[in-house]
Amino acid sequence: MGEKEAFVRQFREIQPKFSRFYARLLTEAGLSLPQFALLSQLLARGAVSMTEVGAKLHISKPAVTNLADRLEDKKYLKRTPHPGDRRVFLLQILPRGKGLVRKAQGEVLSFVLKTLHAFNEKEQETITRFYARLSEKLEAALAFLATTGSASP
C-alpha cells in the first residue's frame, strides 16, 4: 500500500474516533457537539452577536437561537443587549461554560500532546506544520463554501 492510500485509510479511521472521543466527553457534561462549538467560539472570541457566531459556525440564526436557548437554560451563557443596536443581542459565555470548554479542550489536548511526544523533534515540527497548513486550508474552504455552496475553491 502506498503512502497516499495509507494516509487516506488512517484519516478515514481517525475522524470518527475523534468524534466519539468528543461525544463521550460532552455527553458527561450534557452537551451536544453544536452546543460545544458555540461555547468554544464564545470562549475564543468573547461576546459576539448571534449573527456573527452563526456565520462563523456556518449555521442559521434560528439554529443559533435554539442552541443559545438551551445553553442559557443550563447557565453556560447569557444574552446581553448590544450597546449600539437595541435590536441585536450578544452572546456571552459564563464562568460555568468557560470551565466546561476548558476542561474538554484540555483533555483532548493532553491526549494529543502525549501522542505527539512519541515522535522525535523533527517529526513533531513536521506534524505541527501539517496541522497549521490544514487549519489554513480548512478556513479557506469554509469561507469559500459560505459564499458559493461548494467546498472546493
C-alpha atoms as a PDB file:
ATOM      1  CA  MET A   1       0.000   0.000   0.000  1.00  0.00           C
ATOM      2  CA  GLY A   2       1.362   3.420  -0.962  1.00  0.00           C
ATOM      3  CA  GLU A   3       1.779   6.395   1.380  1.00  0.00           C
ATOM      4  CA  LYS A   4      -1.263   8.175  -0.040  1.00  0.00           C
ATOM      5  CA  GLU A   5      -3.508   5.133   0.419  1.00  0.00           C
ATOM      6  CA  ALA A   6      -2.201   4.617   3.946  1.00  0.00           C
ATOM      7  CA  PHE A   7      -2.867   8.264   4.776  1.00  0.00           C
ATOM      8  CA  VAL A   8      -6.403   8.076   3.379  1.00  0.00           C
ATOM      9  CA  ARG A   9      -7.118   4.915   5.373  1.00  0.00           C
ATOM     10  CA  GLN A  10      -5.778   6.448   8.580  1.00  0.00           C
ATOM     11  CA  PHE A  11      -7.694   9.683   8.014  1.00  0.00           C
ATOM     12  CA  ARG A  12     -10.939   7.789   7.489  1.00  0.00           C
ATOM     13  CA  GLU A  13     -10.348   5.903  10.726  1.00  0.00           C
ATOM     14  CA  ILE A  14      -9.294   8.838  12.906  1.00  0.00           C
ATOM     15  CA  GLN A  15     -12.134  11.276  12.187  1.00  0.00           C
ATOM     16  CA  PRO A  16     -14.907   9.079  13.647  1.00  0.00           C
ATOM     17  CA  LYS A  17     -12.659   8.216  16.596  1.00  0.00           C
ATOM     18  CA  PHE A  18     -12.178  11.902  17.423  1.00  0.00           C
ATOM     19  CA  SER A  19     -15.919  12.428  17.079  1.00  0.00           C
ATOM     20  CA  ARG A  20     -16.587   9.600  19.543  1.00  0.00           C
ATOM     21  CA  PHE A  21     -13.900  10.944  21.904  1.00  0.00           C
ATOM     22  CA  TYR A  22     -15.540  14.393  21.953  1.00  0.00           C
ATOM     23  CA  ALA A  23     -19.025  12.885  22.132  1.00  0.00           C
ATOM     24  CA  ARG A  24     -18.128  10.936  25.272  1.00  0.00           C
ATOM     25  CA  LEU A  25     -16.611  13.987  26.947  1.00  0.00           C
ATOM     26  CA  LEU A  26     -19.611  16.118  26.040  1.00  0.00           C
ATOM     27  CA  THR A  27     -22.206  13.508  26.995  1.00  0.00           C
ATOM     28  CA  GLU A  28     -20.829  13.587  30.527  1.00  0.00           C
ATOM     29  CA  ALA A  29     -21.496  17.347  30.539  1.00  0.00           C
ATOM     30  CA  GLY A  30     -24.916  17.009  28.896  1.00  0.00           C
ATOM     31  CA  LEU A  31     -23.866  18.910  25.768  1.00  0.00           C
ATOM     32  CA  SER A  32     -24.160  18.283  22.054  1.00  0.00           C
ATOM     33  CA  LEU A  33     -21.287  18.921  19.669  1.00  0.00           C
ATOM     34  CA  PRO A  34     -23.019  22.029  18.198  1.00  0.00           C
ATOM     35  CA  GLN A  35     -23.527  23.425  21.713  1.00  0.00           C
ATOM     36  CA  PHE A  36     -19.860  22.833  22.462  1.00  0.00           C
ATOM     37  CA  ALA A  37     -18.864  24.520  19.185  1.00  0.00           C
ATOM     38  CA  LEU A  38     -20.919  27.578  20.117  1.00  0.00           C
ATOM     39  CA  LEU A  39     -19.385  27.793  23.584  1.00  0.00           C
ATOM     40  CA  SER A  40     -15.903  27.310  22.114  1.00  0.00           C
ATOM     41  CA  GLN A  41     -16.474  30.256  19.775  1.00  0.00           C
ATOM     42  CA  LEU A  42     -17.609  32.438  22.645  1.00  0.00           C
ATOM     43  CA  LEU A  43     -14.582  31.476  24.709  1.00  0.00           C
ATOM     44  CA  ALA A  44     -12.253  32.274  21.817  1.00  0.00           C
ATOM     45  CA  ARG A  45     -13.933  35.454  20.576  1.00  0.00           C
ATOM     46  CA  GLY A  46     -15.669  36.972  23.590  1.00  0.00           C
ATOM     47  CA  ALA A  47     -19.189  38.356  23.387  1.00  0.00           C
ATOM     48  CA  VAL A  48     -20.491  38.183  19.816  1.00  0.00           C
ATOM     49  CA  SER A  49     -23.811  38.660  18.095  1.00  0.00           C
ATOM     50  CA  MET A  50     -25.915  35.677  17.182  1.00  0.00           C
ATOM     51  CA  THR A  51     -25.462  36.554  13.502  1.00  0.00           C
ATOM     52  CA  GLU A  52     -21.660  36.597  13.850  1.00  0.00           C
ATOM     53  CA  VAL A  53     -21.468  33.267  15.648  1.00  0.00           C
ATOM     54  CA  GLY A  54     -23.873  31.718  13.140  1.00  0.00           C
ATOM     55  CA  ALA A  55     -21.651  32.852  10.282  1.00  0.00           C
ATOM     56  CA  LYS A  56     -18.522  31.515  11.996  1.00  0.00           C
ATOM     57  CA  LEU A  57     -20.179  28.135  12.670  1.00  0.00           C
ATOM     58  CA  HIS A  58     -21.984  28.116   9.314  1.00  0.00           C
ATOM     59  CA  ILE A  59     -25.415  27.656  10.867  1.00  0.00           C
ATOM     60  CA  SER A  60     -28.634  29.656  10.578  1.00  0.00           C
ATOM     61  CA  LYS A  61     -29.755  32.286  13.072  1.00  0.00           C
ATOM     62  CA  PRO A  62     -32.717  30.092  14.174  1.00  0.00           C
ATOM     63  CA  ALA A  63     -30.244  27.263  14.873  1.00  0.00           C
ATOM     64  CA  VAL A  64     -28.092  29.650  16.933  1.00  0.00           C
ATOM     65  CA  THR A  65     -31.199  30.770  18.820  1.00  0.00           C
ATOM     66  CA  ASN A  66     -32.093  27.162  19.614  1.00  0.00           C
ATOM     67  CA  LEU A  67     -28.570  26.386  20.833  1.00  0.00           C
ATOM     68  CA  ALA A  68     -28.406  29.606  22.860  1.00  0.00           C
ATOM     69  CA  ASP A  69     -31.780  28.885  24.498  1.00  0.00           C
ATOM     70  CA  ARG A  70     -30.574  25.507  25.724  1.00  0.00           C
ATOM     71  CA  LEU A  71     -27.193  26.809  26.871  1.00  0.00           C
ATOM     72  CA  GLU A  72     -28.779  29.753  28.640  1.00  0.00           C
ATOM     73  CA  ASP A  73     -31.110  27.358  30.490  1.00  0.00           C
ATOM     74  CA  LYS A  74     -28.021  25.452  31.691  1.00  0.00           C
ATOM     75  CA  LYS A  75     -26.334  28.707  32.773  1.00  0.00           C
ATOM     76  CA  TYR A  76     -23.441  28.289  30.307  1.00  0.00           C
ATOM     77  CA  LEU A  77     -24.081  31.585  28.516  1.00  0.00           C
ATOM     78  CA  LYS A  78     -26.215  34.694  28.685  1.00  0.00           C
ATOM     79  CA  ARG A  79     -27.678  37.119  26.200  1.00  0.00           C
ATOM     80  CA  THR A  80     -26.881  40.797  26.674  1.00  0.00           C
ATOM     81  CA  PRO A  81     -28.199  43.763  24.722  1.00  0.00           C
ATOM     82  CA  HIS A  82     -25.792  45.223  22.161  1.00  0.00           C
ATOM     83  CA  PRO A  83     -24.631  48.638  23.405  1.00  0.00           C
ATOM     84  CA  GLY A  84     -25.015  50.253  19.985  1.00  0.00           C
ATOM     85  CA  ASP A  85     -28.035  48.475  18.494  1.00  0.00           C
ATOM     86  CA  ARG A  86     -31.032  47.583  20.630  1.00  0.00           C
ATOM     87  CA  ARG A  87     -32.243  45.074  18.006  1.00  0.00           C
ATOM     88  CA  VAL A  88     -29.124  42.928  18.475  1.00  0.00           C
ATOM     89  CA  PHE A  89     -28.245  40.651  21.373  1.00  0.00           C
ATOM     90  CA  LEU A  90     -24.753  39.471  22.167  1.00  0.00           C
ATOM     91  CA  LEU A  91     -23.985  36.003  23.441  1.00  0.00           C
ATOM     92  CA  GLN A  92     -21.530  35.898  26.318  1.00  0.00           C
ATOM     93  CA  ILE A  93     -20.068  32.772  27.875  1.00  0.00           C
ATOM     94  CA  LEU A  94     -20.461  32.453  31.636  1.00  0.00           C
ATOM     95  CA  PRO A  95     -17.826  31.062  34.030  1.00  0.00           C
ATOM     96  CA  ARG A  96     -19.591  27.683  34.124  1.00  0.00           C
ATOM     97  CA  GLY A  97     -19.411  27.478  30.320  1.00  0.00           C
ATOM     98  CA  LYS A  98     -15.765  28.566  30.289  1.00  0.00           C
ATOM     99  CA  GLY A  99     -14.850  25.837  32.745  1.00  0.00           C
ATOM    100  CA  LEU A 100     -16.636  23.194  30.727  1.00  0.00           C
ATOM    101  CA  VAL A 101     -14.992  24.173  27.432  1.00  0.00           C
ATOM    102  CA  ARG A 102     -11.541  24.445  29.002  1.00  0.00           C
ATOM    103  CA  LYS A 103     -11.913  21.050  30.647  1.00  0.00           C
ATOM    104  CA  ALA A 104     -12.966  19.294  27.422  1.00  0.00           C
ATOM    105  CA  GLN A 105     -10.331  21.061  25.329  1.00  0.00           C
ATOM    106  CA  GLY A 106      -7.715  20.295  27.974  1.00  0.00           C
ATOM    107  CA  GLU A 107      -8.498  16.593  27.972  1.00  0.00           C
ATOM    108  CA  VAL A 108      -8.283  16.369  24.182  1.00  0.00           C
ATOM    109  CA  LEU A 109      -5.139  18.492  24.048  1.00  0.00           C
ATOM    110  CA  SER A 110      -3.476  16.414  26.764  1.00  0.00           C
ATOM    111  CA  PHE A 111      -4.209  13.247  24.800  1.00  0.00           C
ATOM    112  CA  VAL A 112      -2.877  14.733  21.545  1.00  0.00           C
ATOM    113  CA  LEU A 113       0.277  16.089  23.208  1.00  0.00           C
ATOM    114  CA  LYS A 114       1.042  12.714  24.769  1.00  0.00           C
ATOM    115  CA  THR A 115       0.777  11.202  21.299  1.00  0.00           C
ATOM    116  CA  LEU A 116       2.915  13.954  19.747  1.00  0.00           C
ATOM    117  CA  HIS A 117       5.686  13.328  22.290  1.00  0.00           C
ATOM    118  CA  ALA A 118       6.058   9.818  20.910  1.00  0.00           C
ATOM    119  CA  PHE A 119       7.751  11.405  17.868  1.00  0.00           C
ATOM    120  CA  ASN A 120      11.208  12.924  17.615  1.00  0.00           C
ATOM    121  CA  GLU A 121      11.711  16.690  17.379  1.00  0.00           C
ATOM    122  CA  LYS A 122      11.889  16.811  13.563  1.00  0.00           C
ATOM    123  CA  GLU A 123       8.742  14.711  13.233  1.00  0.00           C
ATOM    124  CA  GLN A 124       6.980  16.966  15.753  1.00  0.00           C
ATOM    125  CA  GLU A 125       7.911  20.025  13.676  1.00  0.00           C
ATOM    126  CA  THR A 126       6.525  18.375  10.539  1.00  0.00           C
ATOM    127  CA  ILE A 127       3.296  17.412  12.295  1.00  0.00           C
ATOM    128  CA  THR A 128       2.908  20.940  13.662  1.00  0.00           C
ATOM    129  CA  ARG A 129       3.430  22.451  10.202  1.00  0.00           C
ATOM    130  CA  PHE A 130       0.932  19.994   8.726  1.00  0.00           C
ATOM    131  CA  TYR A 131      -1.757  20.988  11.243  1.00  0.00           C
ATOM    132  CA  ALA A 132      -1.096  24.700  10.650  1.00  0.00           C
ATOM    133  CA  ARG A 133      -1.459  24.217   6.893  1.00  0.00           C
ATOM    134  CA  LEU A 134      -4.537  22.029   7.343  1.00  0.00           C
ATOM    135  CA  SER A 135      -6.138  24.695   9.532  1.00  0.00           C
ATOM    136  CA  GLU A 136      -5.450  27.394   6.922  1.00  0.00           C
ATOM    137  CA  LYS A 137      -6.897  25.260   4.129  1.00  0.00           C
ATOM    138  CA  LEU A 138      -9.982  24.374   6.165  1.00  0.00           C
ATOM    139  CA  GLU A 139     -10.620  28.041   6.956  1.00  0.00           C
ATOM    140  CA  ALA A 140     -10.329  28.929   3.263  1.00  0.00           C
ATOM    141  CA  ALA A 141     -12.613  26.055   2.250  1.00  0.00           C
ATOM    142  CA  LEU A 142     -15.203  27.090   4.839  1.00  0.00           C
ATOM    143  CA  ALA A 143     -15.116  30.690   3.625  1.00  0.00           C
ATOM    144  CA  PHE A 144     -15.474  29.522   0.020  1.00  0.00           C
ATOM    145  CA  LEU A 145     -18.317  27.197   0.993  1.00  0.00           C
ATOM    146  CA  ALA A 146     -20.114  30.042   2.743  1.00  0.00           C
ATOM    147  CA  THR A 147     -20.059  32.164  -0.405  1.00  0.00           C
ATOM    148  CA  THR A 148     -20.552  29.538  -3.118  1.00  0.00           C
ATOM    149  CA  GLY A 149     -22.067  26.424  -1.568  1.00  0.00           C
ATOM    150  CA  SER A 150     -19.112  24.338  -2.776  1.00  0.00           C
ATOM    151  CA  ALA A 151     -16.214  23.143  -0.618  1.00  0.00           C
ATOM    152  CA  SER A 152     -13.692  23.128  -3.469  1.00  0.00           C
ATOM    153  CA  PRO A 153     -12.126  26.513  -4.251  1.00  0.00           C
END
